[in-house]
Structure formats: C-alpha cells, structure tokens
C-alpha cells in the first residue's frame, strides 16, 4: 500500500524531482542554485569584434552555462548580450570550463562581480516573464 501511494499522480514526481535536484546540488556543492533557462544570447571574446549567437542552458547568481559551437579556452573573458530583452545590457564573465559534446560544446561562465551577476539574473527574470506573457496571452513585443 505504501509503495502505491508514492507512484500515483503527478505529486510524487514533483517531490522526486525536488529531492533529485537537492541531492545533485549537495553533491556538486555549488554556492548558487542553477535555474534552467533557455535564453538567446550574443557573445564576443573581450577585445574582439566577432559576435556569435547561442542559447543558455542555465543561469545562477554566480554564472551561466550555455551551448556553443566553438571551444573557448578557460580563463577567456566574454561579453554577453541578451537580444530578446531589447536592452543594451552587456554582462562580462570568465570561462571557467568548456566541455566538448557530440555536436556542440557547453561552457560555464563565472560573472566577474556581483553587479554582473545581478544584471544577468534580472535579464533571466525579464525573459521568463515575457515567456509567460506569450504563453498565457499570446502577446509578444
């Protein structure tokens, strides 16, 4: 009887995901919680002009993870913009890791300071609100 109770309905799945995420965070010992976020971003290597467009995977107060096509050496400073927000906010960060996958790379970027982190988190919130607005009301800018 006890086992069946946990298998019924969507509620147990939510709890399972919460526990899984909590345990994953404990194992990783991260300072900040990651928030999944698919946000279009433009980036360029600091001091260069070439701009590339990619999509974020997740964001936290300390940094951002995104997918790309080109391997970027850890220690490289990048400048990011988020065109879907329609602002000129530019955020700087340093690549702390870059991992080659089958058809792309994933990289982790650490924000240079708390102001950069705050701006990036604000951008994520704006994108999330826009997404909800489009989803619920079919409204977009």
N, C-alpha and C. Protein backbone atom coordinates (compact mmCIF):
# COMPACT_ATOMS: atom_id res chain seq x y z
N UNK A 1 0.82 -1.20 0.00
CA UNK A 1 0.00 0.00 0.00
C UNK A 1 0.86 1.26 0.00
N UNK A 2 1.90 1.30 0.84
CA UNK A 2 2.76 2.48 0.92
C UNK A 2 3.41 2.77 -0.42
N UNK A 3 3.93 1.74 -1.09
CA UNK A 3 4.59 1.91 -2.37
C UNK A 3 3.68 2.47 -3.43
N UNK A 4 2.41 2.03 -3.44
CA UNK A 4 1.45 2.51 -4.43
C UNK A 4 1.14 3.98 -4.24
N UNK A 5 1.10 4.43 -2.99
CA UNK A 5 0.81 5.83 -2.70
C UNK A 5 1.83 6.75 -3.37
N UNK A 6 3.10 6.41 -3.35
CA UNK A 6 4.14 7.24 -3.94
C UNK A 6 4.14 7.21 -5.46
N UNK A 7 3.54 6.18 -6.05
CA UNK A 7 3.56 6.06 -7.51
C UNK A 7 2.38 6.72 -8.18
N UNK A 8 1.34 7.08 -7.43
CA UNK A 8 0.13 7.63 -8.02
C UNK A 8 0.24 9.14 -8.23
N UNK A 9 -0.29 9.64 -9.36
CA UNK A 9 -0.44 11.06 -9.61
C UNK A 9 0.85 11.82 -9.84
N UNK A 10 0.72 13.11 -10.22
CA UNK A 10 1.89 13.93 -10.52
C UNK A 10 2.64 14.41 -9.28
N UNK A 11 1.97 14.42 -8.14
CA UNK A 11 2.59 14.94 -6.93
C UNK A 11 3.89 14.22 -6.57
N UNK A 12 3.91 12.90 -6.56
CA UNK A 12 5.18 12.21 -6.24
C UNK A 12 6.30 12.53 -7.23
N UNK A 13 5.98 12.71 -8.50
CA UNK A 13 7.01 13.05 -9.49
C UNK A 13 7.65 14.39 -9.15
N UNK A 14 6.85 15.33 -8.71
CA UNK A 14 7.37 16.65 -8.33
C UNK A 14 8.31 16.51 -7.15
N UNK A 15 7.89 15.72 -6.16
CA UNK A 15 8.73 15.52 -4.98
C UNK A 15 10.02 14.82 -5.37
N UNK A 16 9.92 13.80 -6.22
CA UNK A 16 11.12 13.08 -6.67
C UNK A 16 12.10 14.04 -7.34
N UNK A 17 11.59 14.93 -8.20
CA UNK A 17 12.46 15.89 -8.87
C UNK A 17 13.09 16.86 -7.89
N UNK A 18 12.32 17.29 -6.89
CA UNK A 18 12.86 18.21 -5.89
C UNK A 18 13.99 17.53 -5.11
N UNK A 19 13.76 16.28 -4.72
CA UNK A 19 14.79 15.55 -3.97
C UNK A 19 16.01 15.33 -4.83
N UNK A 20 15.79 14.94 -6.10
CA UNK A 20 16.90 14.71 -7.01
C UNK A 20 17.73 15.98 -7.20
N UNK A 21 17.05 17.12 -7.40
CA UNK A 21 17.76 18.38 -7.56
C UNK A 21 18.51 18.78 -6.30
N UNK A 22 17.88 18.55 -5.14
CA UNK A 22 18.53 18.87 -3.88
C UNK A 22 19.80 18.04 -3.70
N UNK A 23 19.69 16.73 -3.95
CA UNK A 23 20.84 15.86 -3.79
C UNK A 23 21.94 16.22 -4.78
N UNK A 24 21.55 16.54 -6.00
CA UNK A 24 22.53 16.94 -7.02
C UNK A 24 23.28 18.19 -6.56
N UNK A 25 22.56 19.15 -5.99
CA UNK A 25 23.19 20.38 -5.51
C UNK A 25 24.14 20.07 -4.35
N UNK A 26 23.75 19.14 -3.48
CA UNK A 26 24.61 18.78 -2.36
C UNK A 26 25.89 18.11 -2.85
N UNK A 27 25.75 17.26 -3.87
CA UNK A 27 26.91 16.57 -4.43
C UNK A 27 27.84 17.56 -5.11
N UNK A 28 27.27 18.46 -5.90
CA UNK A 28 28.08 19.43 -6.64
C UNK A 28 28.66 20.49 -5.72
N UNK A 29 28.03 20.69 -4.56
CA UNK A 29 28.47 21.69 -3.59
C UNK A 29 28.58 23.08 -4.22
N UNK A 30 27.59 23.43 -4.97
CA UNK A 30 27.58 24.73 -5.62
C UNK A 30 27.22 25.82 -4.62
N UNK A 31 27.78 26.98 -4.85
CA UNK A 31 27.49 28.12 -3.99
C UNK A 31 26.11 28.70 -4.31
N UNK A 32 25.71 28.64 -5.60
CA UNK A 32 24.44 29.21 -6.02
C UNK A 32 23.60 28.15 -6.73
N UNK A 33 22.29 28.27 -6.62
CA UNK A 33 21.37 27.34 -7.26
C UNK A 33 21.26 27.67 -8.74
N UNK A 34 21.29 26.64 -9.58
CA UNK A 34 21.11 26.83 -11.02
C UNK A 34 19.62 26.92 -11.34
N UNK A 35 19.29 27.79 -12.29
CA UNK A 35 17.92 27.92 -12.77
C UNK A 35 17.93 27.61 -14.27
N UNK A 36 17.24 26.54 -14.68
CA UNK A 36 17.20 26.25 -16.12
C UNK A 36 16.63 27.46 -16.85
N UNK A 37 17.26 27.82 -17.95
CA UNK A 37 16.81 28.99 -18.71
C UNK A 37 17.29 28.88 -20.15
N UNK A 38 16.35 28.90 -21.08
CA UNK A 38 16.72 28.91 -22.49
C UNK A 38 16.51 30.34 -23.00
N UNK A 39 17.60 31.07 -23.01
CA UNK A 39 17.57 32.47 -23.42
C UNK A 39 18.58 32.65 -24.54
N UNK A 40 18.16 33.31 -25.60
CA UNK A 40 19.09 33.61 -26.68
C UNK A 40 20.10 34.64 -26.19
N UNK A 41 21.36 34.39 -26.50
CA UNK A 41 22.39 35.35 -26.12
C UNK A 41 23.37 35.57 -27.26
N UNK A 42 23.99 36.72 -27.25
CA UNK A 42 25.07 37.04 -28.18
C UNK A 42 26.32 37.19 -27.34
N UNK A 43 27.42 36.64 -27.84
CA UNK A 43 28.65 36.80 -27.08
C UNK A 43 29.81 37.13 -28.01
N UNK A 44 30.81 37.75 -27.42
CA UNK A 44 32.06 38.01 -28.13
C UNK A 44 33.19 37.91 -27.13
N UNK A 45 34.33 37.51 -27.63
CA UNK A 45 35.52 37.47 -26.79
C UNK A 45 35.95 38.90 -26.53
N UNK A 46 36.25 39.21 -25.28
CA UNK A 46 36.65 40.57 -24.91
C UNK A 46 37.81 41.02 -25.78
N UNK A 47 37.66 42.21 -26.38
CA UNK A 47 38.70 42.77 -27.24
C UNK A 47 38.54 42.40 -28.70
N UNK A 48 37.59 41.52 -29.03
CA UNK A 48 37.35 41.13 -30.43
C UNK A 48 35.99 41.64 -30.87
N UNK A 49 35.77 41.67 -32.18
CA UNK A 49 34.53 42.22 -32.73
C UNK A 49 33.51 41.16 -33.12
N UNK A 50 33.97 39.94 -33.45
CA UNK A 50 33.07 38.90 -33.94
C UNK A 50 32.04 38.51 -32.88
N UNK A 51 30.75 38.56 -33.27
CA UNK A 51 29.66 38.23 -32.36
C UNK A 51 29.03 36.91 -32.79
N UNK A 52 28.79 36.04 -31.82
CA UNK A 52 28.15 34.75 -32.09
C UNK A 52 26.87 34.68 -31.28
N UNK A 53 25.89 33.95 -31.80
CA UNK A 53 24.60 33.81 -31.13
C UNK A 53 24.42 32.37 -30.67
N UNK A 54 24.04 32.19 -29.42
CA UNK A 54 23.85 30.86 -28.83
C UNK A 54 22.66 30.90 -27.89
N UNK A 55 22.44 29.80 -27.15
CA UNK A 55 21.33 29.70 -26.21
C UNK A 55 21.84 29.24 -24.85
N UNK A 56 21.33 29.85 -23.80
CA UNK A 56 21.74 29.45 -22.46
C UNK A 56 21.13 28.10 -22.10
N UNK A 57 21.77 27.43 -21.18
CA UNK A 57 21.26 26.18 -20.63
C UNK A 57 20.70 26.45 -19.23
N UNK A 58 21.49 27.14 -18.41
CA UNK A 58 21.02 27.53 -17.09
C UNK A 58 21.80 28.74 -16.61
N UNK A 59 21.26 29.33 -15.54
CA UNK A 59 21.87 30.54 -15.00
C UNK A 59 21.77 30.49 -13.48
N UNK A 60 22.73 31.06 -12.81
CA UNK A 60 22.69 31.18 -11.36
C UNK A 60 23.24 32.56 -11.02
N UNK A 61 23.21 32.89 -9.75
CA UNK A 61 23.73 34.19 -9.35
C UNK A 61 25.22 34.30 -9.64
N UNK A 62 25.92 33.16 -9.65
CA UNK A 62 27.36 33.18 -9.85
C UNK A 62 27.82 33.05 -11.29
N UNK A 63 26.95 32.54 -12.17
CA UNK A 63 27.40 32.35 -13.54
C UNK A 63 26.31 31.83 -14.45
N UNK A 64 26.74 31.43 -15.64
CA UNK A 64 25.80 31.00 -16.67
C UNK A 64 26.43 29.84 -17.45
N UNK A 65 25.61 28.92 -17.87
CA UNK A 65 26.07 27.82 -18.72
C UNK A 65 25.35 27.96 -20.05
N UNK A 66 26.09 27.87 -21.15
CA UNK A 66 25.44 27.91 -22.45
C UNK A 66 26.11 26.99 -23.44
N UNK A 67 25.37 26.69 -24.49
CA UNK A 67 25.85 25.82 -25.56
C UNK A 67 26.44 26.68 -26.65
N UNK A 68 27.47 26.15 -27.29
CA UNK A 68 28.10 26.87 -28.38
C UNK A 68 28.66 25.89 -29.40
N UNK A 69 29.25 26.43 -30.44
CA UNK A 69 29.86 25.60 -31.48
C UNK A 69 31.38 25.58 -31.37
N UNK A 70 31.94 26.61 -30.76
CA UNK A 70 33.40 26.73 -30.70
C UNK A 70 33.92 26.55 -29.27
N UNK A 71 34.99 25.77 -29.15
CA UNK A 71 35.65 25.60 -27.87
C UNK A 71 36.33 26.91 -27.50
N UNK A 72 36.13 27.34 -26.26
CA UNK A 72 36.76 28.58 -25.78
C UNK A 72 37.60 28.21 -24.57
N UNK A 73 38.83 28.61 -24.60
CA UNK A 73 39.78 28.27 -23.55
C UNK A 73 39.35 28.86 -22.20
N UNK A 74 39.33 28.04 -21.14
CA UNK A 74 39.05 28.57 -19.80
C UNK A 74 40.01 29.72 -19.48
N UNK A 75 39.47 30.73 -18.80
CA UNK A 75 40.24 31.93 -18.49
C UNK A 75 39.93 33.07 -19.44
N UNK A 76 39.28 32.76 -20.57
CA UNK A 76 38.92 33.78 -21.56
C UNK A 76 37.75 34.62 -21.04
N UNK A 77 37.84 35.94 -21.20
CA UNK A 77 36.76 36.83 -20.79
C UNK A 77 35.83 37.06 -21.97
N UNK A 78 34.52 36.91 -21.71
CA UNK A 78 33.49 37.13 -22.73
C UNK A 78 32.58 38.27 -22.32
N UNK A 79 32.00 38.91 -23.32
CA UNK A 79 30.95 39.91 -23.11
C UNK A 79 29.67 39.31 -23.69
N UNK A 80 28.59 39.32 -22.90
CA UNK A 80 27.31 38.75 -23.31
C UNK A 80 26.25 39.83 -23.42
N UNK A 81 25.36 39.64 -24.42
CA UNK A 81 24.16 40.47 -24.54
C UNK A 81 22.99 39.53 -24.72
N UNK A 82 21.81 39.98 -24.32
CA UNK A 82 20.60 39.19 -24.41
C UNK A 82 19.59 39.94 -25.28
N UNK A 83 19.60 39.70 -26.60
CA UNK A 83 18.77 40.49 -27.52
C UNK A 83 17.27 40.37 -27.28
N UNK A 84 16.79 39.26 -26.73
CA UNK A 84 15.35 39.10 -26.52
C UNK A 84 14.81 40.04 -25.45
N UNK A 85 15.70 40.65 -24.68
CA UNK A 85 15.28 41.57 -23.64
C UNK A 85 15.13 42.99 -24.21
N UNK A 86 15.68 43.22 -25.38
CA UNK A 86 15.62 44.54 -26.03
C UNK A 86 16.28 45.63 -25.21
N UNK A 87 17.39 45.31 -24.63
CA UNK A 87 18.14 46.32 -23.88
C UNK A 87 19.58 46.29 -24.35
N UNK A 88 20.34 47.22 -23.88
CA UNK A 88 21.76 47.25 -24.20
C UNK A 88 22.60 46.67 -23.07
N UNK A 89 21.96 45.95 -22.16
CA UNK A 89 22.73 45.33 -21.08
C UNK A 89 23.80 44.43 -21.64
N UNK A 90 25.00 44.61 -21.16
CA UNK A 90 26.10 43.74 -21.53
C UNK A 90 26.70 43.22 -20.22
N UNK A 91 26.92 41.92 -20.16
CA UNK A 91 27.43 41.27 -18.95
C UNK A 91 28.77 40.65 -19.27
N UNK A 92 29.72 40.80 -18.38
CA UNK A 92 31.04 40.22 -18.58
C UNK A 92 31.24 39.02 -17.67
N UNK A 93 31.96 38.04 -18.18
CA UNK A 93 32.27 36.87 -17.37
C UNK A 93 33.49 36.16 -17.91
N UNK A 94 33.99 35.25 -17.12
CA UNK A 94 35.18 34.49 -17.49
C UNK A 94 34.81 33.02 -17.65
N UNK A 95 35.27 32.41 -18.74
CA UNK A 95 35.03 30.99 -18.97
C UNK A 95 35.81 30.21 -17.92
N UNK A 96 35.10 29.35 -17.16
CA UNK A 96 35.78 28.56 -16.14
C UNK A 96 35.90 27.09 -16.56
N UNK A 97 35.04 26.68 -17.50
CA UNK A 97 35.17 25.34 -18.07
C UNK A 97 34.50 25.30 -19.43
N UNK A 98 34.97 24.40 -20.27
CA UNK A 98 34.40 24.22 -21.60
C UNK A 98 34.50 22.73 -21.92
N UNK A 99 33.37 22.12 -22.26
CA UNK A 99 33.33 20.67 -22.46
C UNK A 99 32.80 20.33 -23.86
N UNK A 100 33.56 19.56 -24.61
CA UNK A 100 33.15 19.14 -25.95
C UNK A 100 32.11 18.04 -25.85
N UNK A 101 30.98 18.22 -26.53
CA UNK A 101 29.93 17.20 -26.63
C UNK A 101 29.95 16.67 -28.06
N UNK A 102 29.01 15.82 -28.43
CA UNK A 102 28.99 15.25 -29.78
C UNK A 102 28.92 16.32 -30.87
N UNK A 103 27.93 17.21 -30.76
CA UNK A 103 27.71 18.18 -31.83
C UNK A 103 27.80 19.64 -31.38
N UNK A 104 28.29 19.86 -30.16
CA UNK A 104 28.41 21.22 -29.63
C UNK A 104 29.36 21.21 -28.43
N UNK A 105 29.57 22.38 -27.89
CA UNK A 105 30.30 22.48 -26.63
C UNK A 105 29.37 23.11 -25.60
N UNK A 106 29.63 22.82 -24.35
CA UNK A 106 28.95 23.51 -23.26
C UNK A 106 30.02 24.21 -22.46
N UNK A 107 29.73 25.43 -22.05
CA UNK A 107 30.72 26.15 -21.27
C UNK A 107 30.09 26.85 -20.08
N UNK A 108 30.87 26.95 -19.03
CA UNK A 108 30.44 27.63 -17.83
C UNK A 108 31.19 28.94 -17.71
N UNK A 109 30.43 29.98 -17.48
CA UNK A 109 30.98 31.32 -17.38
C UNK A 109 30.71 31.85 -15.98
N UNK A 110 31.74 32.35 -15.32
CA UNK A 110 31.58 32.95 -13.99
C UNK A 110 31.53 34.46 -14.15
N UNK A 111 30.51 35.08 -13.55
CA UNK A 111 30.41 36.53 -13.63
C UNK A 111 31.58 37.16 -12.89
N UNK A 112 32.03 38.30 -13.39
CA UNK A 112 33.21 38.94 -12.82
C UNK A 112 32.96 39.56 -11.45
N UNK A 113 31.73 40.00 -11.21
CA UNK A 113 31.41 40.56 -9.90
C UNK A 113 29.91 40.44 -9.65
N UNK A 114 29.47 40.84 -8.47
CA UNK A 114 28.06 40.72 -8.10
C UNK A 114 27.15 41.60 -8.95
N UNK A 115 27.63 42.74 -9.42
CA UNK A 115 26.81 43.59 -10.28
C UNK A 115 26.49 42.89 -11.60
N UNK A 116 27.49 42.21 -12.16
CA UNK A 116 27.28 41.45 -13.39
C UNK A 116 26.27 40.34 -13.14
N UNK A 117 26.41 39.65 -12.03
CA UNK A 117 25.51 38.55 -11.68
C UNK A 117 24.08 39.06 -11.51
N UNK A 118 23.94 40.18 -10.85
CA UNK A 118 22.61 40.75 -10.63
C UNK A 118 21.95 41.11 -11.96
N UNK A 119 22.71 41.73 -12.86
CA UNK A 119 22.17 42.10 -14.17
C UNK A 119 21.72 40.87 -14.96
N UNK A 120 22.55 39.82 -14.94
CA UNK A 120 22.20 38.61 -15.67
C UNK A 120 20.95 37.96 -15.09
N UNK A 121 20.83 37.95 -13.78
CA UNK A 121 19.65 37.36 -13.14
C UNK A 121 18.41 38.18 -13.47
N UNK A 122 18.54 39.48 -13.51
CA UNK A 122 17.43 40.36 -13.89
C UNK A 122 17.00 40.08 -15.33
N UNK A 123 17.95 39.90 -16.21
CA UNK A 123 17.65 39.58 -17.60
C UNK A 123 16.89 38.25 -17.68
N UNK A 124 17.33 37.26 -16.92
CA UNK A 124 16.63 35.97 -16.91
C UNK A 124 15.18 36.15 -16.46
N UNK A 125 14.96 36.94 -15.43
CA UNK A 125 13.60 37.17 -14.93
C UNK A 125 12.73 37.86 -15.98
N UNK A 126 13.28 38.83 -16.67
CA UNK A 126 12.54 39.53 -17.72
C UNK A 126 12.17 38.55 -18.83
N UNK A 127 13.11 37.71 -19.23
CA UNK A 127 12.84 36.72 -20.27
C UNK A 127 11.76 35.74 -19.83
N UNK A 128 11.82 35.33 -18.59
CA UNK A 128 10.82 34.40 -18.05
C UNK A 128 9.44 35.05 -18.08
N UNK A 129 9.33 36.30 -17.67
CA UNK A 129 8.06 36.99 -17.67
C UNK A 129 7.52 37.15 -19.10
N UNK A 130 8.40 37.45 -20.04
CA UNK A 130 7.99 37.56 -21.45
C UNK A 130 7.46 36.23 -21.96
N UNK A 131 8.14 35.16 -21.59
CA UNK A 131 7.73 33.82 -22.00
C UNK A 131 6.34 33.50 -21.45
N UNK A 132 6.10 33.80 -20.18
CA UNK A 132 4.79 33.57 -19.58
C UNK A 132 3.71 34.41 -20.27
N UNK A 133 4.05 35.65 -20.59
CA UNK A 133 3.12 36.54 -21.25
C UNK A 133 2.71 35.96 -22.61
N UNK A 134 3.69 35.48 -23.37
CA UNK A 134 3.40 34.89 -24.68
C UNK A 134 2.58 33.61 -24.54
N UNK A 135 2.95 32.79 -23.55
CA UNK A 135 2.29 31.51 -23.33
C UNK A 135 0.82 31.70 -22.92
N UNK A 136 0.58 32.61 -21.99
CA UNK A 136 -0.76 32.78 -21.45
C UNK A 136 -1.67 33.65 -22.30
N UNK A 137 -1.10 34.68 -22.89
CA UNK A 137 -1.95 35.66 -23.58
C UNK A 137 -1.67 35.79 -25.07
N UNK A 138 -0.68 35.06 -25.55
CA UNK A 138 -0.33 35.14 -26.98
C UNK A 138 0.22 36.50 -27.36
N UNK A 139 0.74 37.22 -26.36
CA UNK A 139 1.26 38.57 -26.59
C UNK A 139 2.76 38.56 -26.62
N UNK A 140 3.33 39.24 -27.61
CA UNK A 140 4.78 39.42 -27.65
C UNK A 140 5.09 40.82 -28.13
N UNK A 141 6.29 41.27 -27.87
CA UNK A 141 6.68 42.64 -28.27
C UNK A 141 6.82 42.78 -29.76
